[in-house]
Amino acid sequence: MTQVSMTVNGKAVSGVVEGRTLLVDFLRGNLRLTGTHVGCDTSQCGACVVHVDGRAVKACTMFALEAEGAQVRTIEGMANADGSLGVIQQAFQDHHGLQCGFCTPGMVMSAAALLKDNPRPTEAEVRAHLEGNICRCTGYHNIVKAIMAASGQDVAAIAAE
């Protein structure tokens, strides 16, 4: 067992983990931040996307010990300081970018990474960026609309699939 310390959503945290403990398991089990989902355990679905030192990573592919000293942001850290939904979260709600909600945390985190690097992506760029995230419910159209809206673009121009 090894001590691990990091900053998660702006708060210093630590815990004792086995070397094989995945970051997603540390977040969910040790810290009780259950918004980060485990969907496939094979890094295929993207439900576990978090930001580590500003970079989007699939938390099921990283050991907790690899995040030692890192700044980690989860879906719980995406809300505004007053607890209201952040811009991307609000856009997902406003544009019906979710159905069952299971993939939503990973989609929001992936969208945030895209918009950080490319504040005004095209529809094609949004779709390409989401290739590492699987949604079994929506068909992605409203997810794309939500991300485009979060970037401040007119979603009326987005063609239906």
C-alpha atoms as a PDB file:
ATOM      1  CA  MET A   1       0.000   0.000   0.000  1.00  0.00           C
ATOM      2  CA  THR A   2       1.233   3.469  -0.912  1.00  0.00           C
ATOM      3  CA  GLN A   3       0.153   6.984   0.007  1.00  0.00           C
ATOM      4  CA  VAL A   4      -1.010   9.120  -2.938  1.00  0.00           C
ATOM      5  CA  SER A   5      -1.747  12.841  -2.861  1.00  0.00           C
ATOM      6  CA  MET A   6      -3.220  15.105  -5.513  1.00  0.00           C
ATOM      7  CA  THR A   7      -5.508  18.083  -5.902  1.00  0.00           C
ATOM      8  CA  VAL A   8      -8.999  17.142  -7.072  1.00  0.00           C
ATOM      9  CA  ASN A   9     -11.418  19.877  -8.081  1.00  0.00           C
ATOM     10  CA  GLY A  10      -9.273  22.400  -6.238  1.00  0.00           C
ATOM     11  CA  LYS A  11      -9.017  20.459  -2.965  1.00  0.00           C
ATOM     12  CA  ALA A  12      -5.934  18.657  -1.674  1.00  0.00           C
ATOM     13  CA  VAL A  13      -6.726  14.971  -1.164  1.00  0.00           C
ATOM     14  CA  SER A  14      -4.763  11.875  -0.264  1.00  0.00           C
ATOM     15  CA  GLY A  15      -5.311   8.227   0.342  1.00  0.00           C
ATOM     16  CA  VAL A  16      -3.640   4.869   0.658  1.00  0.00           C
ATOM     17  CA  VAL A  17      -3.857   2.696  -2.452  1.00  0.00           C
ATOM     18  CA  GLU A  18      -2.464  -0.480  -3.918  1.00  0.00           C
ATOM     19  CA  GLY A  19      -0.113   0.067  -6.826  1.00  0.00           C
ATOM     20  CA  ARG A  20      -2.687  -1.375  -9.208  1.00  0.00           C
ATOM     21  CA  THR A  21      -5.491   1.002  -8.155  1.00  0.00           C
ATOM     22  CA  LEU A  22      -6.812   2.858 -11.177  1.00  0.00           C
ATOM     23  CA  LEU A  23      -7.447   6.584 -10.975  1.00  0.00           C
ATOM     24  CA  VAL A  24     -11.148   5.998 -11.684  1.00  0.00           C
ATOM     25  CA  ASP A  25     -11.362   3.617  -8.720  1.00  0.00           C
ATOM     26  CA  PHE A  26      -9.537   6.070  -6.434  1.00  0.00           C
ATOM     27  CA  LEU A  27     -11.923   8.867  -7.439  1.00  0.00           C
ATOM     28  CA  ARG A  28     -15.047   6.761  -7.029  1.00  0.00           C
ATOM     29  CA  GLY A  29     -14.056   4.530  -4.109  1.00  0.00           C
ATOM     30  CA  ASN A  30     -11.715   6.579  -1.978  1.00  0.00           C
ATOM     31  CA  LEU A  31     -13.046  10.069  -2.692  1.00  0.00           C
ATOM     32  CA  ARG A  32     -16.700   9.149  -3.361  1.00  0.00           C
ATOM     33  CA  LEU A  33     -16.727  11.254  -6.544  1.00  0.00           C
ATOM     34  CA  THR A  34     -19.064   8.955  -8.420  1.00  0.00           C
ATOM     35  CA  GLY A  35     -19.754  11.223 -11.392  1.00  0.00           C
ATOM     36  CA  THR A  36     -16.808   9.655 -13.211  1.00  0.00           C
ATOM     37  CA  HIS A  37     -18.271   6.440 -14.571  1.00  0.00           C
ATOM     38  CA  VAL A  38     -16.760   3.043 -15.313  1.00  0.00           C
ATOM     39  CA  GLY A  39     -18.331   1.877 -18.521  1.00  0.00           C
ATOM     40  CA  CYS A  40     -16.137  -0.707 -20.178  1.00  0.00           C
ATOM     41  CA  ASP A  41     -12.822  -1.212 -18.326  1.00  0.00           C
ATOM     42  CA  THR A  42     -11.088  -1.296 -21.718  1.00  0.00           C
ATOM     43  CA  SER A  43     -10.754   2.456 -22.493  1.00  0.00           C
ATOM     44  CA  GLN A  44     -13.253   2.181 -25.336  1.00  0.00           C
ATOM     45  CA  CYS A  45     -16.262   4.145 -24.052  1.00  0.00           C
ATOM     46  CA  GLY A  46     -14.947   7.420 -22.572  1.00  0.00           C
ATOM     47  CA  ALA A  47     -17.369   7.470 -19.618  1.00  0.00           C
ATOM     48  CA  CYS A  48     -14.395   7.888 -17.271  1.00  0.00           C
ATOM     49  CA  VAL A  49     -12.793  10.972 -18.873  1.00  0.00           C
ATOM     50  CA  VAL A  50     -11.284  13.417 -16.367  1.00  0.00           C
ATOM     51  CA  HIS A  51      -8.675  16.161 -16.720  1.00  0.00           C
ATOM     52  CA  VAL A  52      -5.217  15.563 -15.284  1.00  0.00           C
ATOM     53  CA  ASP A  53      -3.002  18.633 -15.314  1.00  0.00           C
ATOM     54  CA  GLY A  54      -5.323  20.152 -17.912  1.00  0.00           C
ATOM     55  CA  ARG A  55      -5.263  17.161 -20.256  1.00  0.00           C
ATOM     56  CA  ALA A  56      -8.259  14.895 -20.899  1.00  0.00           C
ATOM     57  CA  VAL A  57      -7.471  11.314 -19.928  1.00  0.00           C
ATOM     58  CA  LYS A  58      -9.479   8.148 -19.521  1.00  0.00           C
ATOM     59  CA  ALA A  59      -9.201   7.475 -15.807  1.00  0.00           C
ATOM     60  CA  CYS A  60      -9.507   3.727 -16.384  1.00  0.00           C
ATOM     61  CA  THR A  61      -6.135   3.784 -18.186  1.00  0.00           C
ATOM     62  CA  MET A  62      -4.160   5.549 -15.469  1.00  0.00           C
ATOM     63  CA  PHE A  63      -3.024   4.345 -12.081  1.00  0.00           C
ATOM     64  CA  ALA A  64      -3.850   6.581  -9.134  1.00  0.00           C
ATOM     65  CA  LEU A  65      -0.144   6.706  -8.285  1.00  0.00           C
ATOM     66  CA  GLU A  66       0.543   8.236 -11.714  1.00  0.00           C
ATOM     67  CA  ALA A  67      -1.557  11.226 -10.621  1.00  0.00           C
ATOM     68  CA  GLU A  68       0.692  11.884  -7.596  1.00  0.00           C
ATOM     69  CA  GLY A  69       0.926  15.656  -7.197  1.00  0.00           C
ATOM     70  CA  ALA A  70      -1.356  16.290 -10.172  1.00  0.00           C
ATOM     71  CA  GLN A  71      -4.282  18.652 -10.584  1.00  0.00           C
ATOM     72  CA  VAL A  72      -7.329  16.491 -11.352  1.00  0.00           C
ATOM     73  CA  ARG A  73     -10.713  17.805 -12.437  1.00  0.00           C
ATOM     74  CA  THR A  74     -13.791  15.621 -12.525  1.00  0.00           C
ATOM     75  CA  ILE A  75     -17.348  16.282 -13.642  1.00  0.00           C
ATOM     76  CA  GLU A  76     -18.090  17.428 -10.085  1.00  0.00           C
ATOM     77  CA  GLY A  77     -15.578  20.240 -10.657  1.00  0.00           C
ATOM     78  CA  MET A  78     -17.333  21.530 -13.777  1.00  0.00           C
ATOM     79  CA  ALA A  79     -20.111  23.367 -11.932  1.00  0.00           C
ATOM     80  CA  ASN A  80     -19.893  27.076 -11.195  1.00  0.00           C
ATOM     81  CA  ALA A  81     -18.684  28.187  -7.757  1.00  0.00           C
ATOM     82  CA  ASP A  82     -22.290  28.773  -6.645  1.00  0.00           C
ATOM     83  CA  GLY A  83     -23.209  25.186  -7.556  1.00  0.00           C
ATOM     84  CA  SER A  84     -25.118  26.060 -10.724  1.00  0.00           C
ATOM     85  CA  LEU A  85     -24.368  24.210 -13.927  1.00  0.00           C
ATOM     86  CA  GLY A  86     -21.309  25.267 -15.883  1.00  0.00           C
ATOM     87  CA  VAL A  87     -21.666  26.483 -19.477  1.00  0.00           C
ATOM     88  CA  ILE A  88     -21.130  23.073 -21.061  1.00  0.00           C
ATOM     89  CA  GLN A  89     -23.373  21.301 -18.560  1.00  0.00           C
ATOM     90  CA  GLN A  90     -26.112  23.878 -19.139  1.00  0.00           C
ATOM     91  CA  ALA A  91     -25.782  23.485 -22.907  1.00  0.00           C
ATOM     92  CA  PHE A  92     -26.222  19.709 -22.547  1.00  0.00           C
ATOM     93  CA  GLN A  93     -29.401  20.325 -20.559  1.00  0.00           C
ATOM     94  CA  ASP A  94     -30.731  23.043 -22.887  1.00  0.00           C
ATOM     95  CA  HIS A  95     -30.106  21.046 -26.071  1.00  0.00           C
ATOM     96  CA  HIS A  96     -31.117  17.618 -24.753  1.00  0.00           C
ATOM     97  CA  GLY A  97     -27.575  16.272 -25.108  1.00  0.00           C
ATOM     98  CA  LEU A  98     -28.291  13.368 -22.788  1.00  0.00           C
ATOM     99  CA  GLN A  99     -30.802  10.627 -22.312  1.00  0.00           C
ATOM    100  CA  CYS A 100     -29.811   8.003 -19.767  1.00  0.00           C
ATOM    101  CA  GLY A 101     -26.905  10.224 -18.649  1.00  0.00           C
ATOM    102  CA  PHE A 102     -24.344   7.465 -18.252  1.00  0.00           C
ATOM    103  CA  CYS A 103     -21.947   8.836 -20.891  1.00  0.00           C
ATOM    104  CA  THR A 104     -22.657  12.478 -20.065  1.00  0.00           C
ATOM    105  CA  PRO A 105     -19.820  13.107 -17.576  1.00  0.00           C
ATOM    106  CA  GLY A 106     -17.245  11.814 -20.052  1.00  0.00           C
ATOM    107  CA  MET A 107     -18.853  13.741 -22.904  1.00  0.00           C
ATOM    108  CA  VAL A 108     -18.821  16.986 -20.895  1.00  0.00           C
ATOM    109  CA  MET A 109     -15.184  16.479 -19.894  1.00  0.00           C
ATOM    110  CA  SER A 110     -14.194  15.688 -23.492  1.00  0.00           C
ATOM    111  CA  ALA A 111     -16.132  18.721 -24.713  1.00  0.00           C
ATOM    112  CA  ALA A 112     -14.338  20.935 -22.189  1.00  0.00           C
ATOM    113  CA  ALA A 113     -10.971  19.705 -23.446  1.00  0.00           C
ATOM    114  CA  LEU A 114     -11.978  20.356 -27.050  1.00  0.00           C
ATOM    115  CA  LEU A 115     -13.276  23.865 -26.332  1.00  0.00           C
ATOM    116  CA  LYS A 116     -10.130  24.698 -24.352  1.00  0.00           C
ATOM    117  CA  ASP A 117      -7.970  23.849 -27.375  1.00  0.00           C
ATOM    118  CA  ASN A 118     -10.442  24.936 -30.069  1.00  0.00           C
ATOM    119  CA  PRO A 119     -12.983  27.483 -28.781  1.00  0.00           C
ATOM    120  CA  ARG A 120     -14.974  27.550 -32.068  1.00  0.00           C
ATOM    121  CA  PRO A 121     -14.869  24.030 -33.536  1.00  0.00           C
ATOM    122  CA  THR A 122     -16.766  23.042 -36.634  1.00  0.00           C
ATOM    123  CA  GLU A 123     -19.412  20.357 -36.443  1.00  0.00           C
ATOM    124  CA  ALA A 124     -16.977  17.943 -38.116  1.00  0.00           C
ATOM    125  CA  GLU A 125     -14.291  18.760 -35.534  1.00  0.00           C
ATOM    126  CA  VAL A 126     -16.718  18.121 -32.673  1.00  0.00           C
ATOM    127  CA  ARG A 127     -17.750  14.778 -34.158  1.00  0.00           C
ATOM    128  CA  ALA A 128     -14.110  13.772 -34.728  1.00  0.00           C
ATOM    129  CA  HIS A 129     -13.179  14.743 -31.172  1.00  0.00           C
ATOM    130  CA  LEU A 130     -15.966  12.580 -29.725  1.00  0.00           C
ATOM    131  CA  GLU A 131     -14.772   9.409 -31.466  1.00  0.00           C
ATOM    132  CA  GLY A 132     -13.367   8.149 -28.144  1.00  0.00           C
ATOM    133  CA  ASN A 133     -16.736   8.490 -26.393  1.00  0.00           C
ATOM    134  CA  ILE A 134     -19.636   6.102 -26.852  1.00  0.00           C
ATOM    135  CA  CYS A 135     -23.283   7.004 -26.304  1.00  0.00           C
ATOM    136  CA  ARG A 136     -25.744   4.169 -26.680  1.00  0.00           C
ATOM    137  CA  CYS A 137     -28.841   6.393 -26.501  1.00  0.00           C
ATOM    138  CA  THR A 138     -28.671   9.675 -28.382  1.00  0.00           C
ATOM    139  CA  GLY A 139     -27.182   9.225 -31.813  1.00  0.00           C
ATOM    140  CA  TYR A 140     -24.862  12.173 -30.931  1.00  0.00           C
ATOM    141  CA  HIS A 141     -26.829  14.854 -32.795  1.00  0.00           C
ATOM    142  CA  ASN A 142     -27.951  16.722 -29.662  1.00  0.00           C
ATOM    143  CA  ILE A 143     -24.565  16.207 -28.017  1.00  0.00           C
ATOM    144  CA  VAL A 144     -22.937  17.935 -30.983  1.00  0.00           C
ATOM    145  CA  LYS A 145     -25.550  20.718 -30.809  1.00  0.00           C
ATOM    146  CA  ALA A 146     -24.845  21.178 -27.103  1.00  0.00           C
ATOM    147  CA  ILE A 147     -21.096  21.463 -27.641  1.00  0.00           C
ATOM    148  CA  MET A 148     -21.578  23.891 -30.514  1.00  0.00           C
ATOM    149  CA  ALA A 149     -23.928  25.970 -28.323  1.00  0.00           C
ATOM    150  CA  ALA A 150     -21.410  25.926 -25.466  1.00  0.00           C
ATOM    151  CA  SER A 151     -18.880  27.392 -27.899  1.00  0.00           C
ATOM    152  CA  GLY A 152     -21.270  30.257 -28.602  1.00  0.00           C
ATOM    153  CA  GLN A 153     -22.188  29.139 -32.097  1.00  0.00           C
ATOM    154  CA  ASP A 154     -25.631  29.060 -33.692  1.00  0.00           C
ATOM    155  CA  VAL A 155     -26.964  25.520 -33.452  1.00  0.00           C
ATOM    156  CA  ALA A 156     -29.795  26.118 -35.918  1.00  0.00           C
ATOM    157  CA  ALA A 157     -27.284  25.655 -38.723  1.00  0.00           C
ATOM    158  CA  ILE A 158     -26.439  22.099 -37.661  1.00  0.00           C
ATOM    159  CA  ALA A 159     -27.954  19.654 -40.117  1.00  0.00           C
ATOM    160  CA  ALA A 160     -29.954  16.710 -38.813  1.00  0.00           C
ATOM    161  CA  GLU A 161     -28.305  13.355 -39.220  1.00  0.00           C
END
